[in-house]
């Protein structure tokens, strides 16, 4: 199912997390962001809804360890809340 994203809002937590990453990982985040904007449900991203206290939030994988925590505002608009390892879920 194709689900393009028109607009992404970014929180200060996301900006801080991105700024702490080495350049090679920032480039990888940018690449995955392109995929996400083209199709939020791209299977390579392994996007999935979260459960429990984070019900209503979603996550997608940048690589094996790095995740982006986000939420849909509308079907084509999201907020990036944070990025990091599975620790961002706590």
N, C-alpha and C. Protein backbone atom coordinates (compact mmCIF):
# COMPACT_ATOMS: atom_id res chain seq x y z
N UNK A 1 0.84 -1.18 0.00
CA UNK A 1 0.00 0.00 0.00
C UNK A 1 0.89 1.25 0.00
N UNK A 2 0.74 2.07 -0.98
CA UNK A 2 1.52 3.31 -1.09
C UNK A 2 0.93 4.36 -0.16
N UNK A 3 1.80 4.94 0.68
CA UNK A 3 1.35 5.97 1.62
C UNK A 3 2.40 7.07 1.68
N UNK A 4 2.38 8.01 0.71
CA UNK A 4 3.36 9.11 0.71
C UNK A 4 3.10 10.09 1.85
N UNK A 5 4.18 10.67 2.35
CA UNK A 5 4.10 11.65 3.44
C UNK A 5 4.40 13.03 2.87
N UNK A 6 3.47 13.94 3.07
CA UNK A 6 3.57 15.30 2.54
C UNK A 6 4.38 16.21 3.46
N UNK A 7 4.21 16.05 4.78
CA UNK A 7 4.86 16.97 5.71
C UNK A 7 5.32 16.22 6.96
N UNK A 8 6.53 16.57 7.42
CA UNK A 8 7.07 15.99 8.65
C UNK A 8 7.46 17.13 9.59
N UNK A 9 6.91 17.09 10.79
CA UNK A 9 7.28 18.03 11.85
C UNK A 9 8.35 17.35 12.70
N UNK A 10 9.28 18.12 13.22
CA UNK A 10 10.40 17.56 13.97
C UNK A 10 10.46 18.20 15.35
N UNK A 11 10.57 17.37 16.39
CA UNK A 11 10.68 17.88 17.75
C UNK A 11 12.14 18.18 18.08
N UNK A 12 12.35 18.91 19.17
CA UNK A 12 13.72 19.22 19.60
C UNK A 12 14.44 17.96 20.05
N UNK A 13 13.73 16.98 20.62
CA UNK A 13 14.37 15.72 21.00
C UNK A 13 14.92 15.00 19.78
N UNK A 14 14.16 15.01 18.69
CA UNK A 14 14.63 14.39 17.46
C UNK A 14 15.87 15.12 16.94
N UNK A 15 15.82 16.44 16.92
CA UNK A 15 16.97 17.23 16.45
C UNK A 15 18.22 16.95 17.28
N UNK A 16 18.05 16.88 18.61
CA UNK A 16 19.20 16.59 19.49
C UNK A 16 19.78 15.22 19.19
N UNK A 17 18.89 14.23 19.07
CA UNK A 17 19.35 12.87 18.77
C UNK A 17 20.07 12.79 17.45
N UNK A 18 19.54 13.46 16.45
CA UNK A 18 20.17 13.47 15.14
C UNK A 18 21.54 14.14 15.19
N UNK A 19 21.63 15.23 15.93
CA UNK A 19 22.89 15.96 16.04
C UNK A 19 23.99 15.17 16.74
N UNK A 20 23.62 14.21 17.57
CA UNK A 20 24.61 13.39 18.29
C UNK A 20 25.15 12.23 17.46
N UNK A 21 24.50 11.97 16.33
CA UNK A 21 24.92 10.84 15.49
C UNK A 21 26.15 11.18 14.67
N UNK A 22 27.00 10.18 14.40
CA UNK A 22 28.10 10.41 13.47
C UNK A 22 27.57 10.67 12.06
N UNK A 23 28.39 11.29 11.24
CA UNK A 23 27.98 11.70 9.89
C UNK A 23 27.43 10.52 9.08
N UNK A 24 28.06 9.36 9.15
CA UNK A 24 27.60 8.23 8.34
C UNK A 24 26.18 7.80 8.73
N UNK A 25 25.84 7.87 10.02
CA UNK A 25 24.47 7.53 10.43
C UNK A 25 23.48 8.62 10.07
N UNK A 26 23.92 9.89 10.10
CA UNK A 26 23.03 10.97 9.67
C UNK A 26 22.66 10.80 8.20
N UNK A 27 23.64 10.38 7.39
CA UNK A 27 23.36 10.13 5.97
C UNK A 27 22.37 8.98 5.80
N UNK A 28 22.51 7.96 6.63
CA UNK A 28 21.60 6.82 6.57
C UNK A 28 20.19 7.25 6.99
N UNK A 29 20.08 8.08 8.02
CA UNK A 29 18.78 8.61 8.44
C UNK A 29 18.15 9.39 7.28
N UNK A 30 18.93 10.21 6.61
CA UNK A 30 18.42 11.00 5.48
C UNK A 30 17.90 10.08 4.37
N UNK A 31 18.61 9.00 4.10
CA UNK A 31 18.19 8.04 3.07
C UNK A 31 16.87 7.37 3.45
N UNK A 32 16.78 6.93 4.72
CA UNK A 32 15.55 6.28 5.18
C UNK A 32 14.39 7.27 5.20
N UNK A 33 14.69 8.53 5.52
CA UNK A 33 13.66 9.57 5.50
C UNK A 33 13.10 9.74 4.09
N UNK A 34 13.96 9.66 3.08
CA UNK A 34 13.49 9.74 1.69
C UNK A 34 12.53 8.59 1.38
N UNK A 35 12.91 7.39 1.81
CA UNK A 35 12.04 6.23 1.60
C UNK A 35 10.70 6.45 2.30
N UNK A 36 10.77 6.95 3.55
CA UNK A 36 9.57 7.16 4.35
C UNK A 36 8.66 8.19 3.69
N UNK A 37 9.23 9.28 3.20
CA UNK A 37 8.42 10.31 2.55
C UNK A 37 7.75 9.78 1.28
N UNK A 38 8.44 8.93 0.56
CA UNK A 38 7.87 8.35 -0.66
C UNK A 38 6.77 7.34 -0.34
N UNK A 39 6.95 6.58 0.75
CA UNK A 39 5.97 5.57 1.13
C UNK A 39 6.23 5.16 2.58
N UNK A 40 5.42 5.67 3.49
CA UNK A 40 5.60 5.38 4.91
C UNK A 40 5.50 3.90 5.23
N UNK A 41 4.87 3.14 4.36
CA UNK A 41 4.72 1.70 4.59
C UNK A 41 5.71 0.87 3.78
N UNK A 42 6.79 1.49 3.31
CA UNK A 42 7.83 0.76 2.59
C UNK A 42 8.33 -0.39 3.48
N UNK A 43 8.27 -1.59 2.99
CA UNK A 43 8.61 -2.77 3.80
C UNK A 43 10.06 -2.75 4.30
N UNK A 44 10.94 -2.04 3.61
CA UNK A 44 12.35 -1.97 4.05
C UNK A 44 12.49 -1.22 5.37
N UNK A 45 11.50 -0.39 5.71
CA UNK A 45 11.56 0.40 6.94
C UNK A 45 11.01 -0.36 8.15
N UNK A 46 10.26 -1.40 7.91
CA UNK A 46 9.63 -2.18 8.98
C UNK A 46 8.83 -1.28 9.94
N UNK A 47 8.07 -0.34 9.37
CA UNK A 47 7.23 0.55 10.18
C UNK A 47 6.14 -0.26 10.85
N UNK A 48 5.90 0.06 12.12
CA UNK A 48 4.87 -0.66 12.86
C UNK A 48 4.30 0.21 13.99
N UNK A 49 3.03 -0.01 14.32
CA UNK A 49 2.44 0.72 15.44
C UNK A 49 2.95 0.15 16.75
N UNK A 50 3.05 1.00 17.76
CA UNK A 50 3.51 0.57 19.07
C UNK A 50 2.32 0.30 19.97
N UNK A 51 2.58 -0.42 21.05
CA UNK A 51 1.51 -0.84 21.97
C UNK A 51 1.78 -0.28 23.36
N UNK A 52 0.85 -0.51 24.24
CA UNK A 52 1.01 -0.12 25.63
C UNK A 52 0.97 1.38 25.81
N UNK A 53 1.91 1.90 26.60
CA UNK A 53 1.96 3.33 26.88
C UNK A 53 2.20 4.17 25.62
N UNK A 54 2.78 3.57 24.60
CA UNK A 54 3.06 4.28 23.35
C UNK A 54 2.00 4.01 22.28
N UNK A 55 0.84 3.53 22.70
CA UNK A 55 -0.25 3.30 21.76
C UNK A 55 -0.55 4.61 21.02
N UNK A 56 -0.66 4.54 19.70
CA UNK A 56 -0.88 5.73 18.88
C UNK A 56 0.40 6.21 18.21
N UNK A 57 1.53 5.75 18.70
CA UNK A 57 2.83 6.07 18.10
C UNK A 57 3.25 4.93 17.19
N UNK A 58 4.17 5.26 16.29
CA UNK A 58 4.73 4.30 15.36
C UNK A 58 6.24 4.38 15.44
N UNK A 59 6.90 3.38 14.85
CA UNK A 59 8.34 3.37 14.78
C UNK A 59 8.76 2.77 13.44
N UNK A 60 9.89 3.24 12.92
CA UNK A 60 10.49 2.56 11.77
C UNK A 60 11.99 2.45 11.98
N UNK A 61 12.58 1.48 11.31
CA UNK A 61 14.00 1.16 11.49
C UNK A 61 14.87 1.92 10.50
N UNK A 62 15.92 2.52 11.03
CA UNK A 62 16.96 3.13 10.20
C UNK A 62 17.99 2.05 9.88
N UNK A 63 18.39 1.32 10.90
CA UNK A 63 19.25 0.14 10.75
C UNK A 63 18.86 -0.84 11.85
N UNK A 64 19.68 -1.84 12.11
CA UNK A 64 19.32 -2.86 13.10
C UNK A 64 19.07 -2.27 14.48
N UNK A 65 19.81 -1.24 14.87
CA UNK A 65 19.72 -0.68 16.21
C UNK A 65 18.93 0.63 16.29
N UNK A 66 18.98 1.42 15.26
CA UNK A 66 18.45 2.79 15.30
C UNK A 66 17.01 2.84 14.81
N UNK A 67 16.15 3.50 15.59
CA UNK A 67 14.73 3.62 15.27
C UNK A 67 14.31 5.09 15.26
N UNK A 68 13.25 5.39 14.53
CA UNK A 68 12.63 6.71 14.57
C UNK A 68 11.21 6.53 15.13
N UNK A 69 10.92 7.30 16.17
CA UNK A 69 9.62 7.28 16.83
C UNK A 69 8.80 8.42 16.24
N UNK A 70 7.61 8.10 15.75
CA UNK A 70 6.78 9.12 15.11
C UNK A 70 5.30 8.85 15.36
N UNK A 71 4.48 9.84 14.98
CA UNK A 71 3.03 9.68 15.07
C UNK A 71 2.39 10.36 13.88
N UNK A 72 1.35 9.73 13.35
CA UNK A 72 0.58 10.33 12.27
C UNK A 72 -0.33 11.41 12.83
N UNK A 73 -0.30 12.60 12.22
CA UNK A 73 -1.24 13.67 12.55
C UNK A 73 -2.43 13.55 11.60
N UNK A 74 -2.11 13.34 10.36
CA UNK A 74 -3.07 13.05 9.31
C UNK A 74 -2.47 11.90 8.51
N UNK A 75 -3.19 11.42 7.52
CA UNK A 75 -2.67 10.26 6.79
C UNK A 75 -1.38 10.58 6.03
N UNK A 76 -1.13 11.87 5.73
CA UNK A 76 0.08 12.23 4.99
C UNK A 76 0.95 13.24 5.74
N UNK A 77 0.79 13.30 7.06
CA UNK A 77 1.55 14.24 7.88
C UNK A 77 1.91 13.58 9.21
N UNK A 78 3.19 13.69 9.60
CA UNK A 78 3.66 13.04 10.82
C UNK A 78 4.52 13.98 11.66
N UNK A 79 4.74 13.57 12.89
CA UNK A 79 5.70 14.23 13.78
C UNK A 79 6.77 13.21 14.12
N UNK A 80 8.04 13.56 13.89
CA UNK A 80 9.16 12.76 14.35
C UNK A 80 9.45 13.20 15.79
N UNK A 81 9.26 12.29 16.76
CA UNK A 81 9.46 12.63 18.16
C UNK A 81 10.89 12.40 18.64
N UNK A 82 11.46 11.28 18.25
CA UNK A 82 12.78 10.94 18.77
C UNK A 82 13.42 9.91 17.86
N UNK A 83 14.72 9.72 18.05
CA UNK A 83 15.40 8.63 17.37
C UNK A 83 16.46 8.08 18.28
N UNK A 84 16.71 6.80 18.16
CA UNK A 84 17.69 6.13 19.00
C UNK A 84 17.45 4.64 18.99
N UNK A 85 18.03 3.97 19.98
CA UNK A 85 17.85 2.53 20.11
C UNK A 85 16.47 2.25 20.73
N UNK A 86 16.22 1.02 21.11
CA UNK A 86 14.94 0.69 21.73
C UNK A 86 14.71 1.47 23.03
N UNK A 87 15.72 2.12 23.54
CA UNK A 87 15.59 2.95 24.74
C UNK A 87 14.59 4.09 24.53
N UNK A 88 14.36 4.52 23.30
CA UNK A 88 13.42 5.63 23.08
C UNK A 88 12.00 5.24 23.42
N UNK A 89 11.74 3.94 23.57
CA UNK A 89 10.40 3.49 23.91
C UNK A 89 10.10 3.62 25.40
N UNK A 90 11.12 3.98 26.18
CA UNK A 90 10.93 4.07 27.64
C UNK A 90 10.75 5.48 28.08
